[in-house]
Amino acid sequence: MKNIGSVSRRWLAEIDIVTQDNLKRVGAVAAWEHIRARHPQKVTKKLLWALIGAQMDMDGRQIPDEVKQRAIANIR
């Protein structure tokens, strides 16, 4: 998956997300929330942008602001 390094891959695997299809099914925001619950001291919004980018198959640094704002609004 694009944007996903080794630590993030390990965290995703902990919640049974190993492919882009898995991530799309769960959703980037939900995956980020699950990972944040497991690793609250280590997870930042940078991971959220990386997950959204991976879900959209684009560089996480190029995510439009409106997509970021919508994602933040959906965080529980």
PDB file of N, CA and C in Angstrom:
ATOM      1  N   MET A   1       0.850  -1.189   0.000  1.00  0.00           N
ATOM      2  CA  MET A   1       0.000   0.000   0.000  1.00  0.00           C
ATOM      3  C   MET A   1       0.886   1.238   0.000  1.00  0.00           C
ATOM      4  N   LYS A   2       0.487   2.190  -0.788  1.00  0.00           N
ATOM      5  CA  LYS A   2       1.193   3.465  -0.876  1.00  0.00           C
ATOM      6  C   LYS A   2       1.149   4.180   0.478  1.00  0.00           C
ATOM      7  N   ASN A   3       2.225   4.843   0.846  1.00  0.00           N
ATOM      8  CA  ASN A   3       2.356   5.666   2.057  1.00  0.00           C
ATOM      9  C   ASN A   3       2.563   4.885   3.346  1.00  0.00           C
ATOM     10  N   ILE A   4       2.534   3.576   3.303  1.00  0.00           N
ATOM     11  CA  ILE A   4       2.522   2.786   4.527  1.00  0.00           C
ATOM     12  C   ILE A   4       3.890   2.162   4.770  1.00  0.00           C
ATOM     13  N   GLY A   5       4.531   2.594   5.851  1.00  0.00           N
ATOM     14  CA  GLY A   5       5.840   2.056   6.218  1.00  0.00           C
ATOM     15  C   GLY A   5       5.708   0.806   7.069  1.00  0.00           C
ATOM     16  N   SER A   6       6.838   0.311   7.517  1.00  0.00           N
ATOM     17  CA  SER A   6       6.862  -0.974   8.225  1.00  0.00           C
ATOM     18  C   SER A   6       6.103  -0.939   9.555  1.00  0.00           C
ATOM     19  N   VAL A   7       6.245   0.119  10.321  1.00  0.00           N
ATOM     20  CA  VAL A   7       5.535   0.206  11.604  1.00  0.00           C
ATOM     21  C   VAL A   7       4.039   0.299  11.357  1.00  0.00           C
ATOM     22  N   SER A   8       3.644   1.129  10.431  1.00  0.00           N
ATOM     23  CA  SER A   8       2.218   1.265  10.118  1.00  0.00           C
ATOM     24  C   SER A   8       1.645  -0.039   9.592  1.00  0.00           C
ATOM     25  N   ARG A   9       2.420  -0.754   8.792  1.00  0.00           N
ATOM     26  CA  ARG A   9       1.973  -2.070   8.294  1.00  0.00           C
ATOM     27  C   ARG A   9       1.742  -3.038   9.457  1.00  0.00           C
ATOM     28  N   ARG A  10       2.645  -3.008  10.413  1.00  0.00           N
ATOM     29  CA  ARG A  10       2.502  -3.878  11.584  1.00  0.00           C
ATOM     30  C   ARG A  10       1.243  -3.511  12.368  1.00  0.00           C
ATOM     31  N   TRP A  11       1.028  -2.215  12.561  1.00  0.00           N
ATOM     32  CA  TRP A  11      -0.171  -1.765  13.276  1.00  0.00           C
ATOM     33  C   TRP A  11      -1.432  -2.162  12.525  1.00  0.00           C
ATOM     34  N   LEU A  12      -1.424  -2.013  11.211  1.00  0.00           N
ATOM     35  CA  LEU A  12      -2.579  -2.415  10.406  1.00  0.00           C
ATOM     36  C   LEU A  12      -2.814  -3.921  10.502  1.00  0.00           C
ATOM     37  N   ALA A  13      -1.754  -4.686  10.468  1.00  0.00           N
ATOM     38  CA  ALA A  13      -1.886  -6.143  10.567  1.00  0.00           C
ATOM     39  C   ALA A  13      -2.510  -6.542  11.906  1.00  0.00           C
ATOM     40  N   GLU A  14      -2.230  -5.778  12.964  1.00  0.00           N
ATOM     41  CA  GLU A  14      -2.820  -6.054  14.277  1.00  0.00           C
ATOM     42  C   GLU A  14      -4.347  -6.000  14.228  1.00  0.00           C
ATOM     43  N   ILE A  15      -4.874  -5.202  13.299  1.00  0.00           N
ATOM     44  CA  ILE A  15      -6.337  -5.085  13.174  1.00  0.00           C
ATOM     45  C   ILE A  15      -6.827  -5.748  11.879  1.00  0.00           C
ATOM     46  N   ASP A  16      -6.035  -6.691  11.397  1.00  0.00           N
ATOM     47  CA  ASP A  16      -6.387  -7.514  10.231  1.00  0.00           C
ATOM     48  C   ASP A  16      -6.581  -6.737   8.937  1.00  0.00           C
ATOM     49  N   ILE A  17      -5.800  -5.692   8.759  1.00  0.00           N
ATOM     50  CA  ILE A  17      -5.791  -4.955   7.496  1.00  0.00           C
ATOM     51  C   ILE A  17      -4.420  -5.163   6.873  1.00  0.00           C
ATOM     52  N   VAL A  18      -4.400  -5.893   5.760  1.00  0.00           N
ATOM     53  CA  VAL A  18      -3.121  -6.191   5.107  1.00  0.00           C
ATOM     54  C   VAL A  18      -3.113  -5.808   3.629  1.00  0.00           C
ATOM     55  N   THR A  19      -4.257  -5.424   3.106  1.00  0.00           N
ATOM     56  CA  THR A  19      -4.332  -5.025   1.699  1.00  0.00           C
ATOM     57  C   THR A  19      -5.107  -3.711   1.578  1.00  0.00           C
ATOM     58  N   GLN A  20      -4.983  -3.102   0.412  1.00  0.00           N
ATOM     59  CA  GLN A  20      -5.739  -1.886   0.143  1.00  0.00           C
ATOM     60  C   GLN A  20      -7.240  -2.182   0.179  1.00  0.00           C
ATOM     61  N   ASP A  21      -7.644  -3.327  -0.307  1.00  0.00           N
ATOM     62  CA  ASP A  21      -9.062  -3.699  -0.263  1.00  0.00           C
ATOM     63  C   ASP A  21      -9.566  -3.807   1.166  1.00  0.00           C
ATOM     64  N   ASN A  22      -8.748  -4.397   2.059  1.00  0.00           N
ATOM     65  CA  ASN A  22      -9.120  -4.449   3.476  1.00  0.00           C
ATOM     66  C   ASN A  22      -9.319  -3.041   4.016  1.00  0.00           C
ATOM     67  N   LEU A  23      -8.385  -2.145   3.680  1.00  0.00           N
ATOM     68  CA  LEU A  23      -8.454  -0.770   4.164  1.00  0.00           C
ATOM     69  C   LEU A  23      -9.685  -0.064   3.621  1.00  0.00           C
ATOM     70  N   LYS A  24      -9.975  -0.262   2.354  1.00  0.00           N
ATOM     71  CA  LYS A  24     -11.161   0.360   1.762  1.00  0.00           C
ATOM     72  C   LYS A  24     -12.437  -0.134   2.442  1.00  0.00           C
ATOM     73  N   ARG A  25     -12.477  -1.418   2.772  1.00  0.00           N
ATOM     74  CA  ARG A  25     -13.663  -1.994   3.405  1.00  0.00           C
ATOM     75  C   ARG A  25     -13.883  -1.405   4.806  1.00  0.00           C
ATOM     76  N   VAL A  26     -12.796  -1.256   5.561  1.00  0.00           N
ATOM     77  CA  VAL A  26     -12.886  -0.727   6.925  1.00  0.00           C
ATOM     78  C   VAL A  26     -13.003   0.796   6.907  1.00  0.00           C
ATOM     79  N   GLY A  27     -12.247   1.423   6.034  1.00  0.00           N
ATOM     80  CA  GLY A  27     -12.202   2.879   5.958  1.00  0.00           C
ATOM     81  C   GLY A  27     -11.002   3.418   6.715  1.00  0.00           C
ATOM     82  N   ALA A  28     -10.378   4.431   6.163  1.00  0.00           N
ATOM     83  CA  ALA A  28      -9.161   4.991   6.745  1.00  0.00           C
ATOM     84  C   ALA A  28      -9.399   5.556   8.136  1.00  0.00           C
ATOM     85  N   VAL A  29     -10.491   6.273   8.327  1.00  0.00           N
ATOM     86  CA  VAL A  29     -10.762   6.884   9.633  1.00  0.00           C
ATOM     87  C   VAL A  29     -10.980   5.804  10.687  1.00  0.00           C
ATOM     88  N   ALA A  30     -11.783   4.797  10.377  1.00  0.00           N
ATOM     89  CA  ALA A  30     -12.037   3.716  11.342  1.00  0.00           C
ATOM     90  C   ALA A  30     -10.744   2.967  11.653  1.00  0.00           C
ATOM     91  N   ALA A  31      -9.935   2.691  10.636  1.00  0.00           N
ATOM     92  CA  ALA A  31      -8.659   2.002  10.867  1.00  0.00           C
ATOM     93  C   ALA A  31      -7.770   2.845  11.771  1.00  0.00           C
ATOM     94  N   TRP A  32      -7.692   4.137  11.513  1.00  0.00           N
ATOM     95  CA  TRP A  32      -6.886   5.048  12.323  1.00  0.00           C
ATOM     96  C   TRP A  32      -7.377   5.048  13.767  1.00  0.00           C
ATOM     97  N   GLU A  33      -8.689   5.069  13.966  1.00  0.00           N
ATOM     98  CA  GLU A  33      -9.239   5.055  15.323  1.00  0.00           C
ATOM     99  C   GLU A  33      -8.872   3.773  16.061  1.00  0.00           C
ATOM    100  N   HIS A  34      -8.934   2.643  15.378  1.00  0.00           N
ATOM    101  CA  HIS A  34      -8.561   1.363  15.997  1.00  0.00           C
ATOM    102  C   HIS A  34      -7.076   1.354  16.375  1.00  0.00           C
ATOM    103  N   ILE A  35      -6.246   1.835  15.470  1.00  0.00           N
ATOM    104  CA  ILE A  35      -4.808   1.875  15.745  1.00  0.00           C
ATOM    105  C   ILE A  35      -4.521   2.854  16.880  1.00  0.00           C
ATOM    106  N   ARG A  36      -5.163   3.993  16.860  1.00  0.00           N
ATOM    107  CA  ARG A  36      -4.961   5.001  17.922  1.00  0.00           C
ATOM    108  C   ARG A  36      -5.356   4.439  19.279  1.00  0.00           C
ATOM    109  N   ALA A  37      -6.418   3.638  19.338  1.00  0.00           N
ATOM    110  CA  ALA A  37      -6.848   3.028  20.594  1.00  0.00           C
ATOM    111  C   ALA A  37      -5.778   2.072  21.129  1.00  0.00           C
ATOM    112  N   ARG A  38      -5.062   1.406  20.236  1.00  0.00           N
ATOM    113  CA  ARG A  38      -4.016   0.455  20.640  1.00  0.00           C
ATOM    114  C   ARG A  38      -2.695   1.148  20.963  1.00  0.00           C
ATOM    115  N   HIS A  39      -2.406   2.250  20.281  1.00  0.00           N
ATOM    116  CA  HIS A  39      -1.114   2.939  20.403  1.00  0.00           C
ATOM    117  C   HIS A  39      -1.327   4.449  20.576  1.00  0.00           C
ATOM    118  N   PRO A  40      -2.032   4.848  21.630  1.00  0.00           N
ATOM    119  CA  PRO A  40      -2.425   6.261  21.753  1.00  0.00           C
ATOM    120  C   PRO A  40      -1.259   7.255  21.830  1.00  0.00           C
ATOM    121  N   GLN A  41      -0.129   6.835  22.358  1.00  0.00           N
ATOM    122  CA  GLN A  41       0.996   7.769  22.494  1.00  0.00           C
ATOM    123  C   GLN A  41       1.786   7.943  21.206  1.00  0.00           C
ATOM    124  N   LYS A  42       1.552   7.084  20.237  1.00  0.00           N
ATOM    125  CA  LYS A  42       2.382   7.080  19.030  1.00  0.00           C
ATOM    126  C   LYS A  42       1.659   7.522  17.766  1.00  0.00           C
ATOM    127  N   VAL A  43       0.347   7.481  17.769  1.00  0.00           N
ATOM    128  CA  VAL A  43      -0.418   7.727  16.538  1.00  0.00           C
ATOM    129  C   VAL A  43      -0.747   9.212  16.401  1.00  0.00           C
ATOM    130  N   THR A  44      -0.453   9.755  15.223  1.00  0.00           N
ATOM    131  CA  THR A  44      -0.748  11.164  14.934  1.00  0.00           C
ATOM    132  C   THR A  44      -1.621  11.252  13.688  1.00  0.00           C
ATOM    133  N   LYS A  45      -1.984  12.465  13.346  1.00  0.00           N
ATOM    134  CA  LYS A  45      -2.777  12.673  12.133  1.00  0.00           C
ATOM    135  C   LYS A  45      -1.980  12.356  10.879  1.00  0.00           C
ATOM    136  N   LYS A  46      -0.663  12.352  10.975  1.00  0.00           N
ATOM    137  CA  LYS A  46       0.148  11.960   9.809  1.00  0.00           C
ATOM    138  C   LYS A  46      -0.221  10.550   9.363  1.00  0.00           C
ATOM    139  N   LEU A  47      -0.477   9.660  10.324  1.00  0.00           N
ATOM    140  CA  LEU A  47      -0.900   8.306   9.970  1.00  0.00           C
ATOM    141  C   LEU A  47      -2.264   8.345   9.301  1.00  0.00           C
ATOM    142  N   LEU A  48      -3.146   9.194   9.788  1.00  0.00           N
ATOM    143  CA  LEU A  48      -4.472   9.320   9.169  1.00  0.00           C
ATOM    144  C   LEU A  48      -4.333   9.741   7.714  1.00  0.00           C
ATOM    145  N   TRP A  49      -3.479  10.719   7.449  1.00  0.00           N
ATOM    146  CA  TRP A  49      -3.298  11.178   6.060  1.00  0.00           C
ATOM    147  C   TRP A  49      -2.682  10.056   5.220  1.00  0.00           C
ATOM    148  N   ALA A  50      -1.763   9.304   5.801  1.00  0.00           N
ATOM    149  CA  ALA A  50      -1.158   8.186   5.071  1.00  0.00           C
ATOM    150  C   ALA A  50      -2.207   7.126   4.743  1.00  0.00           C
ATOM    151  N   LEU A  51      -3.083   6.834   5.698  1.00  0.00           N
ATOM    152  CA  LEU A  51      -4.129   5.834   5.471  1.00  0.00           C
ATOM    153  C   LEU A  51      -5.127   6.299   4.416  1.00  0.00           C
ATOM    154  N   ILE A  52      -5.504   7.562   4.487  1.00  0.00           N
ATOM    155  CA  ILE A  52      -6.416   8.100   3.472  1.00  0.00           C
ATOM    156  C   ILE A  52      -5.752   8.030   2.101  1.00  0.00           C
ATOM    157  N   GLY A  53      -4.485   8.415   2.044  1.00  0.00           N
ATOM    158  CA  GLY A  53      -3.751   8.336   0.786  1.00  0.00           C
ATOM    159  C   GLY A  53      -3.676   6.901   0.266  1.00  0.00           C
ATOM    160  N   ALA A  54      -3.411   5.952   1.170  1.00  0.00           N
ATOM    161  CA  ALA A  54      -3.347   4.546   0.766  1.00  0.00           C
ATOM    162  C   ALA A  54      -4.704   4.076   0.257  1.00  0.00           C
ATOM    163  N   GLN A  55      -5.742   4.493   0.932  1.00  0.00           N
ATOM    164  CA  GLN A  55      -7.096   4.114   0.511  1.00  0.00           C
ATOM    165  C   GLN A  55      -7.417   4.684  -0.862  1.00  0.00           C
ATOM    166  N   MET A  56      -6.965   5.911  -1.108  1.00  0.00           N
ATOM    167  CA  MET A  56      -7.245   6.593  -2.373  1.00  0.00           C
ATOM    168  C   MET A  56      -6.168   6.316  -3.433  1.00  0.00           C
ATOM    169  N   ASP A  57      -5.118   5.574  -3.059  1.00  0.00           N
ATOM    170  CA  ASP A  57      -3.992   5.287  -3.936  1.00  0.00           C
ATOM    171  C   ASP A  57      -3.327   6.571  -4.433  1.00  0.00           C
ATOM    172  N   MET A  58      -3.050   7.462  -3.474  1.00  0.00           N
ATOM    173  CA  MET A  58      -2.355   8.699  -3.803  1.00  0.00           C
ATOM    174  C   MET A  58      -1.407   9.070  -2.668  1.00  0.00           C
ATOM    175  N   ASP A  59      -0.478   9.953  -2.941  1.00  0.00           N
ATOM    176  CA  ASP A  59       0.468  10.417  -1.941  1.00  0.00           C
ATOM    177  C   ASP A  59      -0.308  11.115  -0.820  1.00  0.00           C
ATOM    178  N   GLY A  60      -0.054  10.709   0.409  1.00  0.00           N
ATOM    179  CA  GLY A  60      -0.762  11.278   1.555  1.00  0.00           C
ATOM    180  C   GLY A  60      -0.556  12.765   1.729  1.00  0.00           C
ATOM    181  N   ARG A  61       0.520  13.295   1.173  1.00  0.00           N
ATOM    182  CA  ARG A  61       0.790  14.738   1.273  1.00  0.00           C
ATOM    183  C   ARG A  61      -0.027  15.542   0.277  1.00  0.00           C
ATOM    184  N   GLN A  62      -0.701  14.872  -0.653  1.00  0.00           N
ATOM    185  CA  GLN A  62      -1.454  15.575  -1.685  1.00  0.00           C
ATOM    186  C   GLN A  62      -2.964  15.467  -1.489  1.00  0.00           C
ATOM    187  N   ILE A  63      -3.371  15.026  -0.331  1.00  0.00           N
ATOM    188  CA  ILE A  63      -4.805  14.895  -0.060  1.00  0.00           C
ATOM    189  C   ILE A  63      -5.415  16.293   0.029  1.00  0.00           C
ATOM    190  N   PRO A  64      -6.492  16.543  -0.688  1.00  0.00           N
ATOM    191  CA  PRO A  64      -7.131  17.863  -0.648  1.00  0.00           C
ATOM    192  C   PRO A  64      -7.610  18.207   0.770  1.00  0.00           C
ATOM    193  N   ASP A  65      -7.550  19.496   1.100  1.00  0.00           N
ATOM    194  CA  ASP A  65      -7.957  19.953   2.430  1.00  0.00           C
ATOM    195  C   ASP A  65      -9.385  19.549   2.777  1.00  0.00           C
ATOM    196  N   GLU A  66     -10.281  19.575   1.797  1.00  0.00           N
ATOM    197  CA  GLU A  66     -11.673  19.217   2.095  1.00  0.00           C
ATOM    198  C   GLU A  66     -11.810  17.752   2.497  1.00  0.00           C
ATOM    199  N   VAL A  67     -10.964  16.887   1.936  1.00  0.00           N
ATOM    200  CA  VAL A  67     -10.970  15.467   2.321  1.00  0.00           C
ATOM    201  C   VAL A  67     -10.450  15.339   3.753  1.00  0.00           C
ATOM    202  N   LYS A  68      -9.402  16.085   4.077  1.00  0.00           N
ATOM    203  CA  LYS A  68      -8.865  16.065   5.442  1.00  0.00           C
ATOM    204  C   LYS A  68      -9.908  16.565   6.440  1.00  0.00           C
ATOM    205  N   GLN A  69     -10.575  17.646   6.106  1.00  0.00           N
ATOM    206  CA  GLN A  69     -11.589  18.213   7.009  1.00  0.00           C
ATOM    207  C   GLN A  69     -12.740  17.249   7.223  1.00  0.00           C
ATOM    208  N   ARG A  70     -13.152  16.572   6.163  1.00  0.00           N
ATOM    209  CA  ARG A  70     -14.234  15.574   6.273  1.00  0.00           C
ATOM    210  C   ARG A  70     -13.790  14.413   7.164  1.00  0.00           C
ATOM    211  N   ALA A  71     -12.553  13.995   7.022  1.00  0.00           N
ATOM    212  CA  ALA A  71     -12.030  12.905   7.841  1.00  0.00           C
ATOM    213  C   ALA A  71     -12.010  13.299   9.310  1.00  0.00           C
ATOM    214  N   ILE A  72     -11.518  14.491   9.591  1.00  0.00           N
ATOM    215  CA  ILE A  72     -11.465  14.965  10.980  1.00  0.00           C
ATOM    216  C   ILE A  72     -12.870  15.048  11.574  1.00  0.00           C
ATOM    217  N   ALA A  73     -13.829  15.486  10.772  1.00  0.00           N
ATOM    218  CA  ALA A  73     -15.211  15.589  11.250  1.00  0.00           C
ATOM    219  C   ALA A  73     -15.796  14.226  11.593  1.00  0.00           C
ATOM    220  N   ASN A  74     -15.265  13.162  11.002  1.00  0.00           N
ATOM    221  CA  ASN A  74     -15.784  11.808  11.241  1.00  0.00           C
ATOM    222  C   ASN A  74     -15.068  11.063  12.351  1.00  0.00           C
ATOM    223  N   ILE A  75     -14.064  11.673  12.963  1.00  0.00           N
ATOM    224  CA  ILE A  75     -13.360  11.031  14.073  1.00  0.00           C
ATOM    225  C   ILE A  75     -14.261  11.032  15.296  1.00  0.00           C
ATOM    226  N   ARG A  76     -14.299   9.888  15.954  1.00  0.00           N
ATOM    227  CA  ARG A  76     -15.130   9.777  17.168  1.00  0.00           C
ATOM    228  C   ARG A  76     -14.332  10.064  18.390  1.00  0.00           C
TER     229      ARG A  76
END
